[in-house]
Amino acid sequence: MFERRERSEKQDEFWVAADKLPAAAPSAFYRKLNATLEKMDFARQVWAICEPAYADPSRGGRPGIDPVVYLKMLMIGFFENLPGQRAIAARCEDSLSARGFLGYSLGEATPDQSSFTVIRDRLDVGQLEAIHMVLLAALHAHGLLRGRKLGIDSSVMEANASLRALEHRNTEESYWDYVRRLAAEAGIDPADTKAVRRFDKKREGRKTSNQDWQNPHDPEAKVGRTKDGATDMTYKPEHVTDLESGAIVRVEVRPGDAADNDESLCERVKEAVVMLGEALPGEPVEKLGSELCADEGYFAIEQVSQLQACGVRTVIGDPQAGRRKPENASKEQRAALTYAKRSVRSASGKALLRKRGEHLERGFCHMLDQGGLRRATLRGCEKLTKRHMVAAMTYNLSLLMRSLFGIGTPKQAMAASQARLMAACRWLSCLARHLFSRLVAFYGVIRTFLGSIPAICPGQRFSCFSTGC
């Protein structure tokens, strides 16, 4: 048996010298990110944009949290794949690198997670769009944004709501109360849970329609298919991306049942072009958004005709091309169909479709799967749009960092440092092998030379391994 060692009590220090505390210094990536933000004068422009949302400090009261700090904390959440506000606040509190990036010393308290809600409600979508245009202008200054060839696409994100809480819109009856009532009418004991579930799977007319059912805690979340094919409450984020660089121009989170090719498609594209016109004042307005590429889900004759009438070249495949009857369409619609088919089959259209798959899918992967946004932690399209917009800013900033320094995320910076270390180790290993081979060759030459010298004693030769004649 071992002797159990009791833990002795230790007296805590009354104070600790400041020079013995660890320094809150940002990592190499965050230092470069801070330098990039300072070079574009990001903080001053953000303060000017957000100033109307804050009260005059002369009125007294507790000062508000710096909006630059709020944006930087959300940047940390994107780079380190932290989905919720609590995780981001905890990471900023216990990480010396994050504290150094935010400008907080070890003795200062970082903002609490409740501060995210206060600042998000204080800033509207227009102010966040103005901040987004600051980063778009910085991309344009470095040649990373032209705004002529645009692509639009949408994905799926899981809502912060559950199917179990669904209620009927008219009767406010929960889903399982509704099923139990139908089971009782069919002669099944409603108290038998397994029997009720079997009845629900096999009953006729089983349908969970968004017109009949809603989640009372998040009415804007809709029943739909998630990325892995399961049925859940969903939202639909949509990106408008510059296909020449991959920069995200406009983002919006829409309800999960919203159609891609609905009547607001032209308005959404027009808003993206207007944002480009404000962010890129030197570019000709008629060339901004001159080409639009999308998948077949965005094709609708009315929307394609309107876009072409506005001078936009549409590269959108027609999913009903084989079954569509041209005689049922008007003259304008037939001309639009012919022009759209010609654009898709052209060499430039095929190249644009390849760019769409490259840049749009990459943006969704970085923001949803690697940026912690595949599962929503907020509720409502407006709140999710604000959160998604800051993630789009960070994605564009990462694109700028990749162009300037060759690294766009902290993981890439760590991988680059490990690659440099491995390269240095390989170089030292090759140098050691080379020196060893040269030493062996030199040893052979010396041994041959000494063996050819006549020995002092007759009949013997001097050997470097002998102890004498």
Protein backbone atom coordinates (compact mmCIF):
# COMPACT_ATOMS: atom_id res chain seq x y z
CA MET A 1 0.00 0.00 0.00
CA PHE A 2 1.18 3.48 -0.76
CA GLU A 3 1.22 6.24 1.76
CA ARG A 4 -1.48 8.77 1.03
CA ARG A 5 -0.11 12.28 0.83
CA GLU A 6 -2.30 14.96 2.29
CA ARG A 7 -2.42 18.26 0.46
CA SER A 8 -0.91 21.00 2.57
CA GLU A 9 -2.53 24.41 2.79
CA LYS A 10 -0.71 27.28 1.18
CA GLN A 11 -0.98 30.91 2.05
CA ASP A 12 -1.97 33.12 -0.88
CA GLU A 13 0.11 36.09 -1.86
CA PHE A 14 -1.09 39.45 -0.63
CA TRP A 15 0.18 41.11 -3.81
CA VAL A 16 2.14 40.26 -6.91
CA ALA A 17 4.72 42.49 -8.50
CA ALA A 18 3.57 43.87 -11.83
CA ASP A 19 6.82 42.95 -13.57
CA LYS A 20 6.25 39.28 -12.67
CA LEU A 21 2.87 39.10 -14.41
CA PRO A 22 2.77 37.61 -17.93
CA ALA A 23 2.43 40.18 -20.68
CA ALA A 24 -0.75 40.25 -22.77
CA ALA A 25 0.90 40.22 -26.19
CA PRO A 26 -0.84 39.22 -29.43
CA SER A 27 0.50 36.38 -31.52
CA ALA A 28 2.32 37.00 -34.79
CA PHE A 29 -0.88 36.70 -36.83
CA TYR A 30 -2.83 39.11 -34.63
CA ARG A 31 0.07 41.57 -34.65
CA LYS A 32 -0.02 41.60 -38.44
CA LEU A 33 -3.81 41.91 -38.37
CA ASN A 34 -3.59 44.90 -36.03
CA ALA A 35 -0.99 46.52 -38.27
CA THR A 36 -3.25 46.01 -41.30
CA LEU A 37 -6.22 47.58 -39.53
CA GLU A 38 -4.14 50.54 -38.39
CA LYS A 39 -2.80 51.08 -41.90
CA MET A 40 -6.34 51.39 -43.33
CA ASP A 41 -7.38 53.65 -40.40
CA PHE A 42 -10.08 51.17 -39.46
CA ALA A 43 -10.71 52.38 -35.89
CA ARG A 44 -11.25 56.05 -36.78
CA GLN A 45 -13.70 55.20 -39.57
CA VAL A 46 -15.64 52.81 -37.33
CA TRP A 47 -15.90 55.45 -34.59
CA ALA A 48 -17.22 57.99 -37.10
CA ILE A 49 -19.84 55.53 -38.40
CA CYS A 50 -20.99 54.36 -34.95
CA GLU A 51 -20.96 57.76 -33.23
CA PRO A 52 -24.72 58.46 -33.77
CA ALA A 53 -25.55 55.23 -31.91
CA TYR A 54 -23.77 56.32 -28.72
CA ALA A 55 -24.85 58.97 -26.24
CA ASP A 56 -22.85 62.10 -25.53
CA PRO A 57 -20.28 61.25 -22.78
CA SER A 58 -20.92 64.65 -21.16
CA ARG A 59 -24.35 63.41 -20.09
CA GLY A 60 -22.72 61.07 -17.60
CA GLY A 61 -23.27 57.42 -17.00
CA ARG A 62 -21.12 54.42 -17.71
CA PRO A 63 -19.24 54.72 -21.02
CA GLY A 64 -20.15 52.27 -23.73
CA ILE A 65 -17.87 49.55 -25.01
CA ASP A 66 -15.74 50.50 -27.98
CA PRO A 67 -17.38 49.19 -31.18
CA VAL A 68 -13.90 48.35 -32.52
CA VAL A 69 -13.44 45.99 -29.56
CA TYR A 70 -16.83 44.43 -30.33
CA LEU A 71 -15.86 43.82 -33.95
CA LYS A 72 -12.46 42.44 -32.96
CA MET A 73 -14.05 39.99 -30.53
CA LEU A 74 -16.32 38.70 -33.30
CA MET A 75 -13.23 38.41 -35.53
CA ILE A 76 -11.62 36.19 -32.89
CA GLY A 77 -14.77 34.06 -32.83
CA PHE A 78 -14.59 33.64 -36.61
CA PHE A 79 -10.88 32.80 -36.71
CA GLU A 80 -11.07 30.31 -33.84
CA ASN A 81 -14.42 28.68 -34.79
CA LEU A 82 -16.33 29.85 -31.70
CA PRO A 83 -20.08 29.75 -32.37
CA GLY A 84 -21.63 31.57 -29.40
CA GLN A 85 -21.17 34.79 -27.50
CA ARG A 86 -20.27 33.03 -24.26
CA ALA A 87 -17.49 31.06 -25.94
CA ILE A 88 -16.08 34.22 -27.54
CA ALA A 89 -16.18 36.17 -24.26
CA ALA A 90 -14.52 33.29 -22.38
CA ARG A 91 -11.79 32.98 -25.02
CA CYS A 92 -11.04 36.72 -24.92
CA GLU A 93 -10.89 36.62 -21.13
CA ASP A 94 -8.42 33.75 -20.67
CA SER A 95 -6.21 34.19 -23.78
CA LEU A 96 -3.19 36.48 -23.52
CA SER A 97 -2.98 36.68 -27.30
CA ALA A 98 -6.63 37.75 -27.60
CA ARG A 99 -6.17 40.31 -24.82
CA GLY A 100 -3.18 41.78 -26.63
CA PHE A 101 -5.17 41.95 -29.88
CA LEU A 102 -8.03 43.76 -28.12
CA GLY A 103 -5.67 46.11 -26.28
CA TYR A 104 -6.52 44.88 -22.76
CA SER A 105 -3.89 44.30 -20.12
CA LEU A 106 -3.94 41.34 -17.74
CA GLY A 107 -5.51 43.40 -14.95
CA GLU A 108 -8.38 44.75 -17.08
CA ALA A 109 -11.71 42.95 -17.45
CA THR A 110 -12.74 42.15 -21.01
CA PRO A 111 -16.37 42.77 -22.10
CA ASP A 112 -18.94 40.27 -20.88
CA GLN A 113 -21.07 38.21 -23.24
CA SER A 114 -24.12 40.38 -22.48
CA SER A 115 -22.31 43.31 -24.10
CA PHE A 116 -22.67 41.61 -27.49
CA THR A 117 -26.45 41.88 -27.29
CA VAL A 118 -26.35 45.53 -26.24
CA ILE A 119 -24.04 46.62 -29.08
CA ARG A 120 -25.79 44.45 -31.67
CA ASP A 121 -29.15 46.05 -30.83
CA ARG A 122 -27.55 49.49 -30.83
CA LEU A 123 -25.99 49.24 -34.29
CA ASP A 124 -28.34 48.87 -37.24
CA VAL A 125 -27.77 47.06 -40.51
CA GLY A 126 -26.96 50.29 -42.36
CA GLN A 127 -24.06 51.10 -40.03
CA LEU A 128 -22.64 47.58 -40.38
CA GLU A 129 -22.93 47.88 -44.16
CA ALA A 130 -20.96 51.14 -44.00
CA ILE A 131 -18.22 49.37 -42.02
CA HIS A 132 -18.31 46.55 -44.55
CA MET A 133 -17.77 49.06 -47.36
CA VAL A 134 -14.64 50.33 -45.56
CA LEU A 135 -13.12 46.87 -45.98
CA LEU A 136 -14.35 46.65 -49.58
CA ALA A 137 -12.55 49.92 -50.31
CA ALA A 138 -9.37 48.50 -48.74
CA LEU A 139 -9.65 45.41 -50.96
CA HIS A 140 -10.09 47.63 -54.00
CA ALA A 141 -7.02 49.67 -53.03
CA HIS A 142 -4.94 46.46 -53.11
CA GLY A 143 -6.41 45.28 -56.41
CA LEU A 144 -8.56 42.53 -54.85
CA LEU A 145 -11.98 43.85 -55.87
CA ARG A 146 -13.27 44.97 -59.28
CA GLY A 147 -17.00 44.29 -58.90
CA ARG A 148 -17.69 43.47 -62.54
CA LYS A 149 -18.31 39.71 -62.41
CA LEU A 150 -20.61 38.74 -59.55
CA GLY A 151 -21.91 35.41 -58.32
CA ILE A 152 -24.86 34.72 -56.05
CA ASP A 153 -25.61 31.58 -54.07
CA SER A 154 -27.24 30.45 -50.82
CA SER A 155 -26.68 27.72 -48.24
CA VAL A 156 -28.45 26.34 -45.18
CA MET A 157 -27.83 26.99 -41.48
CA GLU A 158 -29.58 25.38 -38.55
CA ALA A 159 -31.79 27.69 -36.52
CA ASN A 160 -31.70 28.08 -32.75
CA ALA A 161 -35.11 26.42 -32.51
CA SER A 162 -36.48 22.92 -32.10
CA LEU A 163 -39.06 20.92 -34.00
CA ARG A 164 -40.47 19.72 -30.68
CA ALA A 165 -41.77 23.20 -29.88
CA LEU A 166 -43.83 23.57 -33.07
CA GLU A 167 -47.31 24.98 -32.64
CA HIS A 168 -50.24 25.22 -35.03
CA ARG A 169 -50.71 28.77 -36.28
CA ASN A 170 -54.48 28.79 -35.82
CA THR A 171 -55.12 26.68 -32.71
CA GLU A 172 -51.71 27.15 -30.95
CA GLU A 173 -51.78 23.40 -30.35
CA SER A 174 -48.41 21.72 -30.01
CA TYR A 175 -47.45 19.12 -32.57
CA TRP A 176 -47.56 16.11 -30.27
CA ASP A 177 -50.86 17.18 -28.71
CA TYR A 178 -52.20 17.32 -32.26
CA VAL A 179 -50.88 13.82 -33.00
CA ARG A 180 -52.28 12.41 -29.75
CA ARG A 181 -55.68 13.83 -30.59
CA LEU A 182 -55.60 12.18 -34.01
CA ALA A 183 -54.43 8.90 -32.43
CA ALA A 184 -57.27 8.97 -29.93
CA GLU A 185 -59.74 9.52 -32.78
CA ALA A 186 -58.22 6.48 -34.52
CA GLY A 187 -58.71 4.29 -31.44
CA ILE A 188 -55.10 4.34 -30.16
CA ASP A 189 -54.28 4.97 -26.53
CA PRO A 190 -52.76 8.50 -26.45
CA ALA A 191 -50.81 7.61 -23.29
CA ASP A 192 -48.82 4.94 -25.17
CA THR A 193 -45.91 6.97 -26.53
CA LYS A 194 -44.51 4.26 -28.80
CA ALA A 195 -47.90 3.55 -30.33
CA VAL A 196 -48.47 7.27 -30.94
CA ARG A 197 -45.08 7.58 -32.67
CA ARG A 198 -45.80 4.55 -34.87
CA PHE A 199 -49.15 6.07 -35.76
CA ASP A 200 -47.51 9.40 -36.61
CA LYS A 201 -45.04 7.74 -39.00
CA LYS A 202 -47.72 5.86 -40.94
CA ARG A 203 -50.71 8.21 -40.84
CA GLU A 204 -52.06 9.55 -44.14
CA GLY A 205 -51.54 13.19 -44.99
CA ARG A 206 -48.58 13.54 -42.66
CA LYS A 207 -47.05 16.91 -43.50
CA THR A 208 -45.29 19.61 -41.52
CA SER A 209 -46.05 22.70 -43.56
CA ASN A 210 -44.64 26.12 -42.75
CA GLN A 211 -48.05 27.56 -43.59
CA ASP A 212 -49.63 25.58 -40.73
CA TRP A 213 -46.82 25.25 -38.16
CA GLN A 214 -44.38 27.66 -36.56
CA ASN A 215 -41.97 27.79 -33.65
CA PRO A 216 -43.31 30.32 -31.10
CA HIS A 217 -39.79 31.14 -29.88
CA ASP A 218 -38.44 31.86 -33.39
CA PRO A 219 -41.28 32.52 -35.85
CA GLU A 220 -38.89 33.35 -38.72
CA ALA A 221 -37.23 29.91 -38.58
CA LYS A 222 -38.71 27.50 -41.10
CA VAL A 223 -38.88 23.72 -41.40
CA GLY A 224 -36.44 22.50 -44.05
CA ARG A 225 -33.58 20.21 -44.94
CA THR A 226 -30.20 20.75 -43.34
CA LYS A 227 -26.85 20.25 -45.06
CA ASP A 228 -26.73 16.56 -44.09
CA GLY A 229 -30.30 15.89 -45.25
CA ALA A 230 -32.08 15.91 -41.89
CA THR A 231 -35.28 17.84 -41.24
CA ASP A 232 -34.86 20.76 -38.85
CA MET A 233 -35.59 24.45 -38.36
CA THR A 234 -33.43 26.35 -40.83
CA TYR A 235 -32.36 29.73 -42.17
CA LYS A 236 -30.84 30.48 -45.58
CA PRO A 237 -27.75 32.74 -45.76
CA GLU A 238 -27.09 34.27 -49.16
CA HIS A 239 -23.82 35.69 -50.55
CA VAL A 240 -23.10 37.99 -53.48
CA THR A 241 -19.41 37.46 -54.29
CA ASP A 242 -16.90 39.03 -56.64
CA LEU A 243 -15.85 36.10 -58.84
CA GLU A 244 -12.52 37.66 -59.80
CA SER A 245 -11.14 37.68 -56.24
CA GLY A 246 -13.60 35.85 -53.98
CA ALA A 247 -14.46 38.92 -51.88
CA ILE A 248 -17.97 38.89 -50.40
CA VAL A 249 -19.91 41.98 -51.46
CA ARG A 250 -23.30 41.48 -49.80
CA VAL A 251 -24.75 39.03 -47.29
CA GLU A 252 -28.27 38.44 -46.06
CA VAL A 253 -29.88 35.75 -43.93
CA ARG A 254 -33.32 34.86 -45.26
CA PRO A 255 -36.04 32.50 -43.99
CA GLY A 256 -35.43 28.84 -44.71
CA ASP A 257 -38.37 28.52 -47.11
CA ALA A 258 -37.51 31.59 -49.20
CA ALA A 259 -37.06 30.77 -52.88
CA ASP A 260 -33.82 31.75 -54.56
CA ASN A 261 -35.56 32.95 -57.72
CA ASP A 262 -38.36 34.94 -56.10
CA GLU A 263 -39.40 38.45 -57.11
CA SER A 264 -36.77 40.14 -54.94
CA LEU A 265 -33.80 38.70 -56.87
CA CYS A 266 -33.33 41.83 -58.96
CA GLU A 267 -33.57 44.02 -55.86
CA ARG A 268 -30.92 41.97 -54.05
CA VAL A 269 -28.55 42.22 -57.00
CA LYS A 270 -29.24 45.94 -57.31
CA GLU A 271 -28.40 46.48 -53.63
CA ALA A 272 -25.05 44.73 -54.16
CA VAL A 273 -24.28 46.97 -57.15
CA VAL A 274 -25.19 50.08 -55.13
CA MET A 275 -22.83 48.99 -52.35
CA LEU A 276 -20.08 48.50 -54.92
CA GLY A 277 -20.73 51.96 -56.34
CA GLU A 278 -20.29 53.54 -52.90
CA ALA A 279 -17.22 51.49 -52.00
CA LEU A 280 -15.52 51.89 -55.41
CA PRO A 281 -16.11 55.50 -56.47
CA GLY A 282 -13.44 55.37 -59.19
CA GLU A 283 -14.98 52.48 -61.14
CA PRO A 284 -17.48 53.11 -63.97
CA VAL A 285 -20.99 52.53 -62.66
CA GLU A 286 -22.21 50.86 -65.85
CA LYS A 287 -19.54 48.14 -65.55
CA LEU A 288 -20.25 47.24 -61.92
CA GLY A 289 -22.22 44.00 -61.76
CA SER A 290 -22.22 43.67 -65.56
CA GLU A 291 -22.15 39.84 -65.30
CA LEU A 292 -24.08 37.67 -62.86
CA CYS A 293 -23.51 33.94 -62.40
CA ALA A 294 -25.70 31.57 -60.35
CA ASP A 295 -26.86 27.97 -60.25
CA GLU A 296 -30.09 26.63 -61.75
CA GLY A 297 -32.08 27.38 -58.59
CA TYR A 298 -31.94 31.10 -59.41
CA PHE A 299 -33.40 30.75 -62.90
CA ALA A 300 -36.80 32.32 -63.55
CA ILE A 301 -37.86 33.83 -66.88
CA GLU A 302 -39.23 37.02 -65.35
CA GLN A 303 -36.15 37.67 -63.20
CA VAL A 304 -33.69 36.82 -65.98
CA SER A 305 -35.54 39.16 -68.36
CA GLN A 306 -35.44 42.01 -65.85
CA LEU A 307 -31.72 41.52 -65.21
CA GLN A 308 -30.96 41.48 -68.93
CA ALA A 309 -33.06 44.61 -69.40
CA CYS A 310 -30.83 46.32 -66.84
CA GLY A 311 -27.74 45.47 -68.87
CA VAL A 312 -26.64 42.45 -66.81
CA ARG A 313 -25.31 39.41 -68.61
CA THR A 314 -26.84 36.40 -66.84
CA VAL A 315 -24.96 33.09 -66.75
CA ILE A 316 -27.67 30.97 -65.15
CA GLY A 317 -28.60 27.51 -66.39
CA ASP A 318 -32.23 26.74 -67.21
CA PRO A 319 -33.35 23.54 -65.39
CA GLN A 320 -36.48 23.30 -67.60
CA ALA A 321 -34.70 23.83 -70.92
CA GLY A 322 -35.61 20.38 -72.26
CA ARG A 323 -39.31 20.61 -71.37
CA ARG A 324 -39.94 24.28 -72.04
CA LYS A 325 -42.13 25.14 -75.05
CA PRO A 326 -40.99 28.36 -76.77
CA GLU A 327 -44.41 28.98 -78.33
CA ASN A 328 -45.90 29.49 -74.86
CA ALA A 329 -43.51 32.33 -74.09
CA SER A 330 -43.63 35.90 -75.31
CA LYS A 331 -41.18 37.41 -77.76
CA GLU A 332 -39.19 39.11 -75.01
CA GLN A 333 -39.03 35.91 -72.97
CA ARG A 334 -37.84 33.89 -75.96
CA ALA A 335 -35.09 36.42 -76.58
CA ALA A 336 -34.09 36.24 -72.91
CA LEU A 337 -34.01 32.43 -73.02
CA THR A 338 -31.87 32.43 -76.15
CA TYR A 339 -29.43 34.96 -74.68
CA ALA A 340 -29.21 33.02 -71.39
CA LYS A 341 -28.59 29.70 -73.19
CA ARG A 342 -25.89 31.30 -75.33
CA SER A 343 -24.16 32.76 -72.26
CA VAL A 344 -24.09 29.42 -70.42
CA ARG A 345 -22.68 27.52 -73.40
CA SER A 346 -19.98 30.08 -74.21
CA ALA A 347 -16.36 29.63 -73.12
CA SER A 348 -16.47 32.71 -70.91
CA GLY A 349 -19.70 31.50 -69.30
CA LYS A 350 -18.21 28.09 -68.52
CA ALA A 351 -15.16 29.77 -66.99
CA LEU A 352 -17.44 31.96 -64.88
CA LEU A 353 -19.36 28.91 -63.68
CA ARG A 354 -16.10 27.31 -62.59
CA LYS A 355 -15.23 30.49 -60.68
CA ARG A 356 -18.65 30.38 -59.03
CA GLY A 357 -17.99 26.90 -57.70
CA GLU A 358 -14.55 27.91 -56.50
CA HIS A 359 -15.20 31.19 -54.72
CA LEU A 360 -18.79 30.85 -53.49
CA GLU A 361 -18.37 27.36 -52.06
CA ARG A 362 -15.10 28.39 -50.42
CA GLY A 363 -16.77 31.40 -48.78
CA PHE A 364 -19.58 29.29 -47.35
CA CYS A 365 -17.11 26.68 -46.09
CA HIS A 366 -14.97 29.27 -44.31
CA MET A 367 -17.90 31.13 -42.75
CA LEU A 368 -20.28 28.30 -41.87
CA ASP A 369 -18.13 25.22 -41.29
CA GLN A 370 -14.87 26.87 -40.15
CA GLY A 371 -16.26 30.11 -38.74
CA GLY A 372 -18.76 28.57 -36.33
CA LEU A 373 -21.93 29.80 -38.10
CA ARG A 374 -23.43 26.54 -39.38
CA ARG A 375 -25.55 26.39 -36.20
CA ALA A 376 -27.23 29.68 -35.29
CA THR A 377 -27.11 30.94 -31.71
CA LEU A 378 -29.34 33.97 -32.37
CA ARG A 379 -32.96 34.24 -33.47
CA GLY A 380 -34.45 36.35 -36.20
CA CYS A 381 -33.27 37.26 -39.69
CA GLU A 382 -32.11 40.74 -38.70
CA LYS A 383 -29.90 39.58 -35.83
CA LEU A 384 -28.45 36.76 -37.88
CA THR A 385 -27.79 39.13 -40.78
CA LYS A 386 -25.81 41.43 -38.48
CA ARG A 387 -23.79 38.51 -37.16
CA HIS A 388 -23.23 37.15 -40.66
CA MET A 389 -22.18 40.57 -41.93
CA VAL A 390 -19.35 40.83 -39.40
CA ALA A 391 -18.23 37.34 -40.42
CA ALA A 392 -18.18 38.52 -44.06
CA MET A 393 -16.01 41.48 -43.04
CA THR A 394 -13.60 39.10 -41.34
CA TYR A 395 -13.55 36.83 -44.37
CA ASN A 396 -12.64 39.79 -46.61
CA LEU A 397 -9.99 40.86 -44.11
CA SER A 398 -8.59 37.34 -44.19
CA LEU A 399 -8.45 37.58 -47.98
CA LEU A 400 -6.46 40.82 -47.67
CA MET A 401 -4.10 39.25 -45.12
CA ARG A 402 -3.50 36.30 -47.43
CA SER A 403 -2.57 38.69 -50.22
CA LEU A 404 -0.24 40.80 -48.06
CA PHE A 405 1.46 38.19 -45.86
CA GLY A 406 0.57 34.82 -47.38
CA ILE A 407 -1.47 33.80 -44.31
CA GLY A 408 -5.16 34.47 -43.77
CA THR A 409 -5.97 32.73 -40.48
CA PRO A 410 -4.13 31.84 -37.25
CA LYS A 411 -4.13 28.17 -38.32
CA GLN A 412 -2.39 29.09 -41.55
CA ALA A 413 0.16 31.12 -39.59
CA MET A 414 0.83 28.16 -37.29
CA ALA A 415 1.10 25.80 -40.25
CA ALA A 416 3.50 28.19 -41.98
CA SER A 417 5.72 28.41 -38.90
CA GLN A 418 5.73 24.60 -38.59
CA ALA A 419 6.60 24.31 -42.28
CA ARG A 420 9.51 26.73 -41.83
CA LEU A 421 10.72 24.75 -38.81
CA MET A 422 10.55 21.47 -40.72
CA ALA A 423 12.38 23.06 -43.67
CA ALA A 424 15.12 24.26 -41.32
CA CYS A 425 15.39 20.78 -39.79
CA ARG A 426 15.65 19.20 -43.24
CA TRP A 427 18.35 21.71 -44.25
CA LEU A 428 20.35 20.98 -41.10
CA SER A 429 19.97 17.24 -41.68
CA CYS A 430 21.22 17.54 -45.26
CA LEU A 431 24.12 19.71 -44.10
CA ALA A 432 25.07 17.17 -41.42
CA ARG A 433 24.98 14.30 -43.94
CA HIS A 434 27.09 16.30 -46.37
CA LEU A 435 29.66 17.18 -43.73
CA PHE A 436 29.79 13.58 -42.52
CA SER A 437 30.37 12.26 -46.06
CA ARG A 438 33.14 14.79 -46.61
CA LEU A 439 34.72 13.84 -43.29
CA VAL A 440 34.64 10.14 -44.21
CA ALA A 441 36.24 10.92 -47.57
CA PHE A 442 38.93 13.03 -45.91
CA TYR A 443 39.60 10.24 -43.41
CA GLY A 444 40.10 7.77 -46.28
CA VAL A 445 42.56 10.09 -47.99
CA ILE A 446 44.59 10.57 -44.81
CA ARG A 447 44.64 6.84 -44.13
CA THR A 448 45.85 6.09 -47.67
CA PHE A 449 48.53 8.76 -47.43
CA LEU A 450 49.83 7.57 -44.06
CA GLY A 451 49.84 3.96 -45.26
CA SER A 452 52.10 4.86 -48.17
CA ILE A 453 54.85 6.37 -45.93
CA PRO A 454 57.81 3.93 -45.30
CA ALA A 455 58.01 2.67 -41.78
CA ILE A 456 60.97 3.44 -39.49
CA CYS A 457 61.62 -0.25 -38.88
CA PRO A 458 62.64 -2.27 -41.96
CA GLY A 459 59.99 -4.59 -43.39
CA GLN A 460 57.13 -2.72 -41.72
CA ARG A 461 54.83 0.10 -42.73
CA PHE A 462 53.50 2.74 -40.45
CA SER A 463 49.83 2.26 -39.60
CA CYS A 464 47.65 4.88 -38.03
CA PHE A 465 46.16 2.13 -35.85
CA SER A 466 49.47 0.79 -34.57
CA THR A 467 50.99 1.89 -31.30
CA GLY A 468 54.57 1.73 -32.54
CA CYS A 469 57.02 0.17 -35.00
